[in-house]
PDB file of N, CA and C in Angstrom:
ATOM      1  N   MET A   1      11.156  16.658  -9.173  1.00  0.00           N
ATOM      2  CA  MET A   1      11.193  17.589  -7.479  1.00  0.00           C
ATOM      3  C   MET A   1       9.633  17.914  -7.797  1.00  0.00           C
ATOM      4  N   ARG A   2       8.706  17.440  -6.242  1.00  0.00           N
ATOM      5  CA  ARG A   2       7.915  18.135  -6.089  1.00  0.00           C
ATOM      6  C   ARG A   2       7.711  19.231  -6.170  1.00  0.00           C
ATOM      7  N   TYR A   3       8.282  19.968  -5.297  1.00  0.00           N
ATOM      8  CA  TYR A   3       8.312  21.218  -5.102  1.00  0.00           C
ATOM      9  C   TYR A   3       7.820  22.239  -7.113  1.00  0.00           C
ATOM     10  N   LYS A   4       8.549  21.768  -8.038  1.00  0.00           N
ATOM     11  CA  LYS A   4       8.151  22.324  -9.235  1.00  0.00           C
ATOM     12  C   LYS A   4       6.798  21.986  -9.665  1.00  0.00           C
ATOM     13  N   GLU A   5       6.404  20.548  -9.374  1.00  0.00           N
ATOM     14  CA  GLU A   5       5.076  20.953  -9.795  1.00  0.00           C
ATOM     15  C   GLU A   5       3.898  21.449  -8.949  1.00  0.00           C
ATOM     16  N   GLU A   6       4.048  21.788  -7.435  1.00  0.00           N
ATOM     17  CA  GLU A   6       3.320  22.265  -6.846  1.00  0.00           C
ATOM     18  C   GLU A   6       3.217  24.127  -7.569  1.00  0.00           C
ATOM     19  N   LYS A   7       4.756  24.420  -7.588  1.00  0.00           N
ATOM     20  CA  LYS A   7       4.369  26.119  -8.369  1.00  0.00           C
ATOM     21  C   LYS A   7       3.543  25.951  -9.536  1.00  0.00           C
ATOM     22  N   THR A   8       3.822  24.974 -10.349  1.00  0.00           N
ATOM     23  CA  THR A   8       3.036  25.162 -11.378  1.00  0.00           C
ATOM     24  C   THR A   8       1.864  25.363 -11.167  1.00  0.00           C
ATOM     25  N   GLN A   9       1.328  24.133 -10.132  1.00  0.00           N
ATOM     26  CA  GLN A   9      -0.205  23.956  -9.985  1.00  0.00           C
ATOM     27  C   GLN A   9      -0.495  25.592  -9.402  1.00  0.00           C
ATOM     28  N   VAL A  10      -0.064  26.446  -8.637  1.00  0.00           N
ATOM     29  CA  VAL A  10      -0.476  27.212  -7.789  1.00  0.00           C
ATOM     30  C   VAL A  10      -0.401  28.273  -8.819  1.00  0.00           C
ATOM     31  N   ALA A  11       0.243  28.574  -9.599  1.00  0.00           N
ATOM     32  CA  ALA A  11      -0.141  29.738 -10.840  1.00  0.00           C
ATOM     33  C   ALA A  11      -1.095  29.223 -12.289  1.00  0.00           C
ATOM     34  N   CYS A  12      -1.293  27.685 -12.189  1.00  0.00           N
ATOM     35  CA  CYS A  12      -2.427  27.919 -12.636  1.00  0.00           C
ATOM     36  C   CYS A  12      -3.652  27.603 -12.207  1.00  0.00           C
ATOM     37  N   VAL A  13      -3.388  27.263 -10.964  1.00  0.00           N
ATOM     38  CA  VAL A  13      -5.016  27.844  -9.936  1.00  0.00           C
ATOM     39  C   VAL A  13      -5.014  28.989 -10.177  1.00  0.00           C
ATOM     40  N   ARG A  14      -4.053  29.898  -9.492  1.00  0.00           N
ATOM     41  CA  ARG A  14      -4.498  31.744  -9.599  1.00  0.00           C
ATOM     42  C   ARG A  14      -4.742  32.052 -11.452  1.00  0.00           C
ATOM     43  N   TRP A  15      -4.374  31.989 -12.445  1.00  0.00           N
ATOM     44  CA  TRP A  15      -4.892  31.937 -13.097  1.00  0.00           C
ATOM     45  C   TRP A  15      -5.895  31.728 -13.519  1.00  0.00           C
ATOM     46  N   PHE A  16      -6.704  30.514 -13.602  1.00  0.00           N
ATOM     47  CA  PHE A  16      -7.914  29.692 -13.793  1.00  0.00           C
ATOM     48  C   PHE A  16      -9.053  30.451 -13.022  1.00  0.00           C
ATOM     49  N   GLY A  17      -8.481  31.363 -11.582  1.00  0.00           N
ATOM     50  CA  GLY A  17      -9.553  32.248 -10.887  1.00  0.00           C
ATOM     51  C   GLY A  17      -9.547  33.429 -11.514  1.00  0.00           C
ATOM     52  N   LEU A  18      -8.801  34.115 -11.928  1.00  0.00           N
ATOM     53  CA  LEU A  18      -8.768  35.368 -12.356  1.00  0.00           C
ATOM     54  C   LEU A  18      -9.227  35.304 -14.004  1.00  0.00           C
ATOM     55  N   GLN A  19      -9.172  34.534 -14.570  1.00  0.00           N
ATOM     56  CA  GLN A  19      -9.435  33.856 -16.105  1.00  0.00           C
ATOM     57  C   GLN A  19     -11.087  33.692 -15.851  1.00  0.00           C
ATOM     58  N   TYR A  20     -11.935  32.881 -15.231  1.00  0.00           N
ATOM     59  CA  TYR A  20     -13.034  31.951 -14.749  1.00  0.00           C
ATOM     60  C   TYR A  20     -13.267  32.233 -13.452  1.00  0.00           C
ATOM     61  N   PRO A  21     -13.752  33.309 -12.989  1.00  0.00           N
ATOM     62  CA  PRO A  21     -14.221  33.379 -11.448  1.00  0.00           C
ATOM     63  C   PRO A  21     -15.282  32.490 -11.598  1.00  0.00           C
ATOM     64  N   GLU A  22     -16.515  32.482 -12.580  1.00  0.00           N
ATOM     65  CA  GLU A  22     -17.581  31.766 -12.532  1.00  0.00           C
ATOM     66  C   GLU A  22     -17.378  30.298 -12.282  1.00  0.00           C
ATOM     67  N   TYR A  23     -16.352  29.831 -12.636  1.00  0.00           N
ATOM     68  CA  TYR A  23     -16.025  28.709 -12.371  1.00  0.00           C
ATOM     69  C   TYR A  23     -15.082  27.993 -11.390  1.00  0.00           C
ATOM     70  N   ALA A  24     -14.828  29.134 -10.273  1.00  0.00           N
ATOM     71  CA  ALA A  24     -13.465  28.821  -9.767  1.00  0.00           C
ATOM     72  C   ALA A  24     -13.930  27.768  -8.493  1.00  0.00           C
ATOM     73  N   LEU A  25     -14.872  27.598  -8.078  1.00  0.00           N
ATOM     74  CA  LEU A  25     -15.594  27.001  -6.944  1.00  0.00           C
ATOM     75  C   LEU A  25     -15.510  25.643  -7.435  1.00  0.00           C
ATOM     76  N   LEU A  26     -15.437  25.638  -9.017  1.00  0.00           N
ATOM     77  CA  LEU A  26     -15.681  24.166  -9.770  1.00  0.00           C
ATOM     78  C   LEU A  26     -14.138  23.185  -9.910  1.00  0.00           C
ATOM     79  N   LEU A  27     -13.380  23.936  -9.457  1.00  0.00           N
ATOM     80  CA  LEU A  27     -11.923  23.624  -9.532  1.00  0.00           C
ATOM     81  C   LEU A  27     -11.334  22.869  -8.396  1.00  0.00           C
ATOM     82  N   HIS A  28     -11.464  22.048  -7.992  1.00  0.00           N
ATOM     83  CA  HIS A  28     -10.809  21.277  -6.538  1.00  0.00           C
ATOM     84  C   HIS A  28      -9.504  20.717  -6.301  1.00  0.00           C
ATOM     85  N   HIS A  29      -8.961  21.021  -5.605  1.00  0.00           N
ATOM     86  CA  HIS A  29      -7.636  20.091  -4.554  1.00  0.00           C
ATOM     87  C   HIS A  29      -7.824  19.303  -3.978  1.00  0.00           C
ATOM     88  N   SER A  30      -7.475  18.208  -3.786  1.00  0.00           N
ATOM     89  CA  SER A  30      -7.693  17.394  -2.710  1.00  0.00           C
ATOM     90  C   SER A  30      -6.421  17.237  -2.343  1.00  0.00           C
ATOM     91  N   PRO A  31      -6.158  17.904  -0.946  1.00  0.00           N
ATOM     92  CA  PRO A  31      -4.554  17.207  -0.352  1.00  0.00           C
ATOM     93  C   PRO A  31      -4.458  16.029   0.247  1.00  0.00           C
ATOM     94  N   ASN A  32      -3.791  15.377  -0.706  1.00  0.00           N
ATOM     95  CA  ASN A  32      -3.652  14.338  -0.654  1.00  0.00           C
ATOM     96  C   ASN A  32      -2.026  13.851   0.093  1.00  0.00           C
ATOM     97  N   GLY A  33      -1.473  14.777  -0.201  1.00  0.00           N
ATOM     98  CA  GLY A  33      -0.068  14.641   0.045  1.00  0.00           C
ATOM     99  C   GLY A  33       0.280  15.014   1.528  1.00  0.00           C
ATOM    100  N   GLY A  34       1.456  14.921   1.323  1.00  0.00           N
ATOM    101  CA  GLY A  34       2.349  15.477   2.604  1.00  0.00           C
ATOM    102  C   GLY A  34       2.390  14.748   3.791  1.00  0.00           C
ATOM    103  N   TYR A  35       2.690  15.252   5.298  1.00  0.00           N
ATOM    104  CA  TYR A  35       2.598  14.291   6.023  1.00  0.00           C
ATOM    105  C   TYR A  35       1.925  14.259   6.967  1.00  0.00           C
ATOM    106  N   ARG A  36       1.609  12.749   7.312  1.00  0.00           N
ATOM    107  CA  ARG A  36       0.546  12.194   8.328  1.00  0.00           C
ATOM    108  C   ARG A  36       0.667  11.900   9.339  1.00  0.00           C
ATOM    109  N   THR A  37      -0.013  11.815  10.588  1.00  0.00           N
ATOM    110  CA  THR A  37       0.514  10.764  11.291  1.00  0.00           C
ATOM    111  C   THR A  37      -0.188   9.913  11.093  1.00  0.00           C
ATOM    112  N   ALA A  38       0.056   8.404  11.585  1.00  0.00           N
ATOM    113  CA  ALA A  38      -0.602   7.130  11.150  1.00  0.00           C
ATOM    114  C   ALA A  38      -1.907   7.833  11.858  1.00  0.00           C
ATOM    115  N   TYR A  39      -2.733   7.903  12.856  1.00  0.00           N
ATOM    116  CA  TYR A  39      -4.155   8.016  13.171  1.00  0.00           C
ATOM    117  C   TYR A  39      -4.332   9.036  11.981  1.00  0.00           C
ATOM    118  N   GLU A  40      -3.847  10.195  11.158  1.00  0.00           N
ATOM    119  CA  GLU A  40      -4.761  10.992  10.201  1.00  0.00           C
ATOM    120  C   GLU A  40      -4.387  10.276   8.925  1.00  0.00           C
ATOM    121  N   GLY A  41      -3.596   9.556   8.616  1.00  0.00           N
ATOM    122  CA  GLY A  41      -3.707   8.925   7.513  1.00  0.00           C
ATOM    123  C   GLY A  41      -4.965   7.624   7.631  1.00  0.00           C
ATOM    124  N   LYS A  42      -5.084   7.055   8.115  1.00  0.00           N
ATOM    125  CA  LYS A  42      -5.788   6.012   8.778  1.00  0.00           C
ATOM    126  C   LYS A  42      -7.267   6.602   8.547  1.00  0.00           C
ATOM    127  N   ALA A  43      -7.476   7.951   9.508  1.00  0.00           N
ATOM    128  CA  ALA A  43      -8.959   8.487   9.359  1.00  0.00           C
ATOM    129  C   ALA A  43      -9.257   8.917   7.578  1.00  0.00           C
ATOM    130  N   PHE A  44      -8.065   9.485   7.210  1.00  0.00           N
ATOM    131  CA  PHE A  44      -8.353  10.138   5.966  1.00  0.00           C
ATOM    132  C   PHE A  44      -8.927   9.132   4.818  1.00  0.00           C
ATOM    133  N   LYS A  45      -8.151   7.912   4.993  1.00  0.00           N
ATOM    134  CA  LYS A  45      -8.425   6.485   4.335  1.00  0.00           C
ATOM    135  C   LYS A  45      -9.935   6.563   5.066  1.00  0.00           C
ATOM    136  N   SER A  46     -10.115   6.343   5.352  1.00  0.00           N
ATOM    137  CA  SER A  46     -11.879   5.741   5.863  1.00  0.00           C
ATOM    138  C   SER A  46     -12.933   6.984   5.163  1.00  0.00           C
ATOM    139  N   MET A  47     -12.101   8.027   5.343  1.00  0.00           N
ATOM    140  CA  MET A  47     -13.174   9.130   4.645  1.00  0.00           C
ATOM    141  C   MET A  47     -13.146   8.995   3.128  1.00  0.00           C
ATOM    142  N   GLY A  48     -12.389   8.450   2.882  1.00  0.00           N
ATOM    143  CA  GLY A  48     -12.259   8.322   1.516  1.00  0.00           C
ATOM    144  C   GLY A  48     -11.599   8.679   0.983  1.00  0.00           C
ATOM    145  N   THR A  49     -10.015   9.464   1.244  1.00  0.00           N
ATOM    146  CA  THR A  49      -8.984   9.905   0.405  1.00  0.00           C
ATOM    147  C   THR A  49      -8.257   8.209  -0.072  1.00  0.00           C
ATOM    148  N   ARG A  50      -8.079   8.564  -1.629  1.00  0.00           N
ATOM    149  CA  ARG A  50      -7.388   7.500  -2.214  1.00  0.00           C
ATOM    150  C   ARG A  50      -6.199   7.910  -2.854  1.00  0.00           C
ATOM    151  N   ALA A  51      -4.970   6.887  -2.967  1.00  0.00           N
ATOM    152  CA  ALA A  51      -4.046   7.196  -3.096  1.00  0.00           C
ATOM    153  C   ALA A  51      -3.810   7.645  -4.801  1.00  0.00           C
ATOM    154  N   GLY A  52      -3.565   8.447  -5.459  1.00  0.00           N
ATOM    155  CA  GLY A  52      -3.500   8.251  -6.745  1.00  0.00           C
ATOM    156  C   GLY A  52      -4.602   8.942  -7.579  1.00  0.00           C
ATOM    157  N   PHE A  53      -5.279  10.040  -6.571  1.00  0.00           N
ATOM    158  CA  PHE A  53      -6.238  10.437  -6.950  1.00  0.00           C
ATOM    159  C   PHE A  53      -5.333  12.345  -7.603  1.00  0.00           C
ATOM    160  N   PRO A  54      -6.388  12.573  -8.426  1.00  0.00           N
ATOM    161  CA  PRO A  54      -5.330  13.414  -9.221  1.00  0.00           C
ATOM    162  C   PRO A  54      -5.026  15.112  -8.844  1.00  0.00           C
ATOM    163  N   ASP A  55      -4.618  16.254  -9.024  1.00  0.00           N
ATOM    164  CA  ASP A  55      -4.400  17.021  -8.515  1.00  0.00           C
ATOM    165  C   ASP A  55      -5.268  18.189  -8.711  1.00  0.00           C
ATOM    166  N   LEU A  56      -5.940  18.068 -10.092  1.00  0.00           N
ATOM    167  CA  LEU A  56      -7.300  18.764  -9.958  1.00  0.00           C
ATOM    168  C   LEU A  56      -8.603  17.799 -10.360  1.00  0.00           C
ATOM    169  N   ILE A  57      -9.337  18.931 -10.538  1.00  0.00           N
ATOM    170  CA  ILE A  57     -10.723  18.163 -10.703  1.00  0.00           C
ATOM    171  C   ILE A  57     -11.759  19.094 -10.837  1.00  0.00           C
ATOM    172  N   PHE A  58     -12.109  19.131 -12.108  1.00  0.00           N
ATOM    173  CA  PHE A  58     -13.023  20.228 -12.344  1.00  0.00           C
ATOM    174  C   PHE A  58     -14.293  19.913 -12.864  1.00  0.00           C
ATOM    175  N   LEU A  59     -15.156  20.572 -12.013  1.00  0.00           N
ATOM    176  CA  LEU A  59     -16.342  19.948 -11.741  1.00  0.00           C
ATOM    177  C   LEU A  59     -17.457  20.317 -12.690  1.00  0.00           C
ATOM    178  N   LEU A  60     -17.300  20.893 -13.993  1.00  0.00           N
ATOM    179  CA  LEU A  60     -17.958  21.203 -14.667  1.00  0.00           C
ATOM    180  C   LEU A  60     -18.236  20.171 -16.153  1.00  0.00           C
ATOM    181  N   PRO A  61     -19.497  19.603 -16.382  1.00  0.00           N
ATOM    182  CA  PRO A  61     -19.396  18.821 -17.827  1.00  0.00           C
ATOM    183  C   PRO A  61     -19.708  19.963 -18.763  1.00  0.00           C
ATOM    184  N   ARG A  62     -19.021  19.042 -19.480  1.00  0.00           N
ATOM    185  CA  ARG A  62     -18.856  19.763 -21.293  1.00  0.00           C
ATOM    186  C   ARG A  62     -18.902  18.825 -22.248  1.00  0.00           C
ATOM    187  N   GLY A  63     -19.783  18.759 -22.963  1.00  0.00           N
ATOM    188  CA  GLY A  63     -20.436  17.889 -24.254  1.00  0.00           C
ATOM    189  C   GLY A  63     -20.766  16.764 -23.741  1.00  0.00           C
ATOM    190  N   LYS A  64     -19.854  15.696 -24.058  1.00  0.00           N
ATOM    191  CA  LYS A  64     -20.076  14.320 -23.591  1.00  0.00           C
ATOM    192  C   LYS A  64     -19.047  14.008 -22.153  1.00  0.00           C
ATOM    193  N   HIS A  65     -18.637  14.982 -22.093  1.00  0.00           N
ATOM    194  CA  HIS A  65     -18.120  14.507 -20.841  1.00  0.00           C
ATOM    195  C   HIS A  65     -18.401  14.951 -19.542  1.00  0.00           C
ATOM    196  N   PRO A  66     -18.499  14.381 -18.613  1.00  0.00           N
ATOM    197  CA  PRO A  66     -18.787  14.907 -16.892  1.00  0.00           C
ATOM    198  C   PRO A  66     -18.253  15.812 -16.088  1.00  0.00           C
ATOM    199  N   PHE A  67     -16.837  15.835 -16.383  1.00  0.00           N
ATOM    200  CA  PHE A  67     -15.881  16.363 -15.092  1.00  0.00           C
ATOM    201  C   PHE A  67     -14.340  16.543 -16.151  1.00  0.00           C
ATOM    202  N   LEU A  68     -13.436  17.052 -15.742  1.00  0.00           N
ATOM    203  CA  LEU A  68     -11.971  16.867 -15.859  1.00  0.00           C
ATOM    204  C   LEU A  68     -11.389  16.973 -14.945  1.00  0.00           C
ATOM    205  N   CYS A  69      -9.902  16.293 -15.071  1.00  0.00           N
ATOM    206  CA  CYS A  69      -9.368  15.583 -13.640  1.00  0.00           C
ATOM    207  C   CYS A  69      -7.638  16.411 -14.156  1.00  0.00           C
ATOM    208  N   VAL A  70      -6.631  16.724 -13.767  1.00  0.00           N
ATOM    209  CA  VAL A  70      -5.644  17.194 -14.190  1.00  0.00           C
ATOM    210  C   VAL A  70      -4.668  16.869 -13.142  1.00  0.00           C
ATOM    211  N   GLU A  71      -3.633  16.229 -13.647  1.00  0.00           N
ATOM    212  CA  GLU A  71      -2.327  15.743 -13.223  1.00  0.00           C
ATOM    213  C   GLU A  71      -1.565  16.673 -13.385  1.00  0.00           C
ATOM    214  N   PHE A  72      -0.411  17.289 -12.521  1.00  0.00           N
ATOM    215  CA  PHE A  72       0.999  17.510 -12.872  1.00  0.00           C
ATOM    216  C   PHE A  72       2.502  16.912 -12.641  1.00  0.00           C
ATOM    217  N   LYS A  73       2.543  17.641 -13.473  1.00  0.00           N
ATOM    218  CA  LYS A  73       4.258  16.408 -13.334  1.00  0.00           C
ATOM    219  C   LYS A  73       5.346  17.208 -14.188  1.00  0.00           C
ATOM    220  N   THR A  74       6.234  17.139 -13.394  1.00  0.00           N
ATOM    221  CA  THR A  74       7.483  17.736 -14.045  1.00  0.00           C
ATOM    222  C   THR A  74       7.838  17.272 -15.890  1.00  0.00           C
ATOM    223  N   ASP A  75       9.052  17.539 -16.485  1.00  0.00           N
ATOM    224  CA  ASP A  75       9.061  17.304 -18.074  1.00  0.00           C
ATOM    225  C   ASP A  75       9.181  15.598 -17.354  1.00  0.00           C
ATOM    226  N   LYS A  76      10.077  15.492 -16.739  1.00  0.00           N
ATOM    227  CA  LYS A  76      10.498  14.231 -16.639  1.00  0.00           C
ATOM    228  C   LYS A  76       9.429  13.202 -15.807  1.00  0.00           C
ATOM    229  N   GLY A  77       8.565  13.551 -14.945  1.00  0.00           N
ATOM    230  CA  GLY A  77       7.782  13.216 -14.359  1.00  0.00           C
ATOM    231  C   GLY A  77       6.987  11.933 -14.801  1.00  0.00           C
ATOM    232  N   ARG A  78       6.531  10.565 -14.125  1.00  0.00           N
ATOM    233  CA  ARG A  78       5.673   9.556 -14.285  1.00  0.00           C
ATOM    234  C   ARG A  78       4.815   9.551 -13.575  1.00  0.00           C
ATOM    235  N   GLN A  79       3.508   8.936 -14.206  1.00  0.00           N
ATOM    236  CA  GLN A  79       2.329   8.813 -13.402  1.00  0.00           C
ATOM    237  C   GLN A  79       3.099   7.371 -12.676  1.00  0.00           C
ATOM    238  N   THR A  80       2.194   7.302 -11.338  1.00  0.00           N
ATOM    239  CA  THR A  80       2.517   5.856 -10.144  1.00  0.00           C
ATOM    240  C   THR A  80       1.447   5.117 -10.832  1.00  0.00           C
ATOM    241  N   GLU A  81       1.440   4.045 -10.589  1.00  0.00           N
ATOM    242  CA  GLU A  81       0.330   2.714 -10.377  1.00  0.00           C
ATOM    243  C   GLU A  81      -0.743   3.153 -10.516  1.00  0.00           C
ATOM    244  N   SER A  82      -0.722   3.626  -9.554  1.00  0.00           N
ATOM    245  CA  SER A  82      -2.542   4.589  -8.685  1.00  0.00           C
ATOM    246  C   SER A  82      -2.980   5.322  -9.177  1.00  0.00           C
ATOM    247  N   GLN A  83      -1.750   6.391 -10.100  1.00  0.00           N
ATOM    248  CA  GLN A  83      -2.300   7.984 -10.943  1.00  0.00           C
ATOM    249  C   GLN A  83      -2.834   7.018 -12.358  1.00  0.00           C
ATOM    250  N   LYS A  84      -2.140   6.391 -12.592  1.00  0.00           N
ATOM    251  CA  LYS A  84      -2.670   5.492 -14.069  1.00  0.00           C
ATOM    252  C   LYS A  84      -3.677   4.598 -13.273  1.00  0.00           C
ATOM    253  N   ALA A  85      -3.968   4.148 -12.596  1.00  0.00           N
ATOM    254  CA  ALA A  85      -5.697   3.505 -12.432  1.00  0.00           C
ATOM    255  C   ALA A  85      -6.543   4.231 -12.294  1.00  0.00           C
ATOM    256  N   TYR A  86      -6.107   5.775 -11.923  1.00  0.00           N
ATOM    257  CA  TYR A  86      -7.395   6.484 -11.882  1.00  0.00           C
ATOM    258  C   TYR A  86      -7.723   7.117 -13.280  1.00  0.00           C
ATOM    259  N   GLN A  87      -6.606   7.426 -13.684  1.00  0.00           N
ATOM    260  CA  GLN A  87      -6.699   8.162 -15.740  1.00  0.00           C
ATOM    261  C   GLN A  87      -7.903   6.496 -15.996  1.00  0.00           C
ATOM    262  N   HIS A  88      -7.499   5.399 -15.805  1.00  0.00           N
ATOM    263  CA  HIS A  88      -8.190   4.756 -16.706  1.00  0.00           C
ATOM    264  C   HIS A  88      -9.761   4.932 -15.521  1.00  0.00           C
ATOM    265  N   ALA A  89      -9.891   4.951 -14.546  1.00  0.00           N
ATOM    266  CA  ALA A  89     -11.052   4.926 -13.836  1.00  0.00           C
ATOM    267  C   ALA A  89     -11.780   5.869 -14.418  1.00  0.00           C
ATOM    268  N   VAL A  90     -11.405   7.385 -14.534  1.00  0.00           N
ATOM    269  CA  VAL A  90     -11.963   8.494 -15.081  1.00  0.00           C
ATOM    270  C   VAL A  90     -12.567   8.580 -16.484  1.00  0.00           C
ATOM    271  N   GLU A  91     -11.040   7.530 -17.186  1.00  0.00           N
ATOM    272  CA  GLU A  91     -11.623   7.506 -18.722  1.00  0.00           C
ATOM    273  C   GLU A  91     -12.593   6.643 -19.111  1.00  0.00           C
ATOM    274  N   SER A  92     -12.935   5.523 -18.304  1.00  0.00           N
ATOM    275  CA  SER A  92     -14.151   4.927 -18.066  1.00  0.00           C
ATOM    276  C   SER A  92     -15.468   5.235 -18.301  1.00  0.00           C
ATOM    277  N   VAL A  93     -15.766   6.388 -17.337  1.00  0.00           N
ATOM    278  CA  VAL A  93     -17.198   6.933 -17.165  1.00  0.00           C
ATOM    279  C   VAL A  93     -17.415   8.120 -18.619  1.00  0.00           C
ATOM    280  N   GLY A  94     -16.106   8.536 -19.099  1.00  0.00           N
ATOM    281  CA  GLY A  94     -16.134   9.456 -20.149  1.00  0.00           C
ATOM    282  C   GLY A  94     -15.492  10.638 -20.043  1.00  0.00           C
ATOM    283  N   ALA A  95     -15.213  10.455 -18.743  1.00  0.00           N
ATOM    284  CA  ALA A  95     -14.783  12.099 -18.456  1.00  0.00           C
ATOM    285  C   ALA A  95     -13.106  12.442 -19.035  1.00  0.00           C
ATOM    286  N   VAL A  96     -12.765  13.278 -18.642  1.00  0.00           N
ATOM    287  CA  VAL A  96     -11.200  13.814 -18.988  1.00  0.00           C
ATOM    288  C   VAL A  96     -10.442  13.793 -18.426  1.00  0.00           C
ATOM    289  N   TYR A  97      -9.497  13.115 -18.664  1.00  0.00           N
ATOM    290  CA  TYR A  97      -7.399  12.957 -17.925  1.00  0.00           C
ATOM    291  C   TYR A  97      -6.472  13.898 -18.218  1.00  0.00           C
ATOM    292  N   ALA A  98      -6.254  14.628 -17.865  1.00  0.00           N
ATOM    293  CA  ALA A  98      -4.815  15.351 -18.763  1.00  0.00           C
ATOM    294  C   ALA A  98      -3.938  15.245 -17.657  1.00  0.00           C
ATOM    295  N   VAL A  99      -2.584  15.029 -18.187  1.00  0.00           N
ATOM    296  CA  VAL A  99      -1.182  15.112 -17.338  1.00  0.00           C
ATOM    297  C   VAL A  99      -1.048  16.650 -18.174  1.00  0.00           C
ATOM    298  N   CYS A 100      -0.615  17.257 -17.176  1.00  0.00           N
ATOM    299  CA  CYS A 100       0.091  18.409 -17.704  1.00  0.00           C
ATOM    300  C   CYS A 100       1.619  18.696 -16.823  1.00  0.00           C
ATOM    301  N   ARG A 101       2.710  19.218 -18.013  1.00  0.00           N
ATOM    302  CA  ARG A 101       3.941  19.264 -17.659  1.00  0.00           C
ATOM    303  C   ARG A 101       4.675  21.055 -17.168  1.00  0.00           C
ATOM    304  N   SER A 102       3.069  21.854 -17.539  1.00  0.00           N
ATOM    305  CA  SER A 102       3.522  23.353 -17.783  1.00  0.00           C
ATOM    306  C   SER A 102       2.344  23.928 -18.007  1.00  0.00           C
ATOM    307  N   PHE A 103       2.621  25.525 -17.354  1.00  0.00           N
ATOM    308  CA  PHE A 103       1.378  26.259 -17.105  1.00  0.00           C
ATOM    309  C   PHE A 103       0.739  26.201 -18.742  1.00  0.00           C
ATOM    310  N   ASP A 104       1.373  26.386 -19.599  1.00  0.00           N
ATOM    311  CA  ASP A 104       0.989  26.453 -20.988  1.00  0.00           C
ATOM    312  C   ASP A 104      -0.179  25.157 -21.571  1.00  0.00           C
ATOM    313  N   GLU A 105       0.529  24.145 -20.909  1.00  0.00           N
ATOM    314  CA  GLU A 105      -0.580  22.448 -21.202  1.00  0.00           C
ATOM    315  C   GLU A 105      -1.870  22.922 -20.638  1.00  0.00           C
ATOM    316  N   PHE A 106      -1.307  23.070 -19.257  1.00  0.00           N
ATOM    317  CA  PHE A 106      -2.485  23.583 -18.680  1.00  0.00           C
ATOM    318  C   PHE A 106      -3.843  24.523 -19.311  1.00  0.00           C
ATOM    319  N   LYS A 107      -3.443  25.864 -19.587  1.00  0.00           N
ATOM    320  CA  LYS A 107      -4.473  26.821 -20.156  1.00  0.00           C
ATOM    321  C   LYS A 107      -4.663  26.065 -21.600  1.00  0.00           C
ATOM    322  N   THR A 108      -3.967  25.488 -22.031  1.00  0.00           N
ATOM    323  CA  THR A 108      -4.821  24.669 -23.856  1.00  0.00           C
ATOM    324  C   THR A 108      -5.844  23.664 -23.056  1.00  0.00           C
ATOM    325  N   THR A 109      -5.424  22.721 -21.853  1.00  0.00           N
ATOM    326  CA  THR A 109      -6.031  21.493 -21.702  1.00  0.00           C
ATOM    327  C   THR A 109      -7.639  22.436 -20.897  1.00  0.00           C
ATOM    328  N   ILE A 110      -7.474  23.521 -20.067  1.00  0.00           N
ATOM    329  CA  ILE A 110      -8.636  24.330 -19.958  1.00  0.00           C
ATOM    330  C   ILE A 110      -9.208  24.811 -20.823  1.00  0.00           C
ATOM    331  N   GLU A 111      -8.772  25.610 -21.856  1.00  0.00           N
ATOM    332  CA  GLU A 111      -9.304  26.038 -22.944  1.00  0.00           C
ATOM    333  C   GLU A 111     -10.489  25.395 -23.622  1.00  0.00           C
ATOM    334  N   ASN A 112      -9.027  23.840 -24.190  1.00  0.00           N
ATOM    335  CA  ASN A 112      -9.979  22.773 -25.471  1.00  0.00           C
ATOM    336  C   ASN A 112     -11.045  22.567 -24.721  1.00  0.00           C
ATOM    337  N   TYR A 113     -11.005  22.622 -23.469  1.00  0.00           N
ATOM    338  CA  TYR A 113     -12.099  21.638 -22.121  1.00  0.00           C
ATOM    339  C   TYR A 113     -12.972  22.878 -22.824  1.00  0.00           C
ATOM    340  N   LEU A 114     -12.951  23.279 -22.319  1.00  0.00           N
ATOM    341  CA  LEU A 114     -14.136  24.880 -22.342  1.00  0.00           C
ATOM    342  C   LEU A 114     -15.068  24.843 -23.557  1.00  0.00           C
ATOM    343  N   GLN A 115     -14.458  24.683 -25.054  1.00  0.00           N
ATOM    344  CA  GLN A 115     -14.744  24.837 -25.368  1.00  0.00           C
ATOM    345  C   GLN A 115     -15.624  24.017 -26.820  1.00  0.00           C
ATOM    346  N   GLN A 116     -15.802  22.746 -25.797  1.00  0.00           N
ATOM    347  CA  GLN A 116     -16.332  21.259 -26.035  1.00  0.00           C
ATOM    348  C   GLN A 116     -17.948  21.468 -25.865  1.00  0.00           C
TER     349      GLN A 116
END
């Protein structure tokens, strides 16, 4: 269910902003989902919107990693083929791609990333 992913993401972004306010502007969500008219869909695609883009991108280099991407999934949720392609592309440039299924996984992912 998409709603559970959204609820988890909102909690994670809220926690992140309170825990790391100095990095809050570097954590971004690109609103790819949702209903779009045919015109909006075409316009967004021509402006660079891509299917499969991760739910969050954290634009802070750490260690050898230029950035971190996070995809939220429910316990039984699976990545789409376009999401798997994004994961491959992200990892091929040395960035970190994480699939988080809970608030605790997100928190651990962020803390581990920041410790690098």
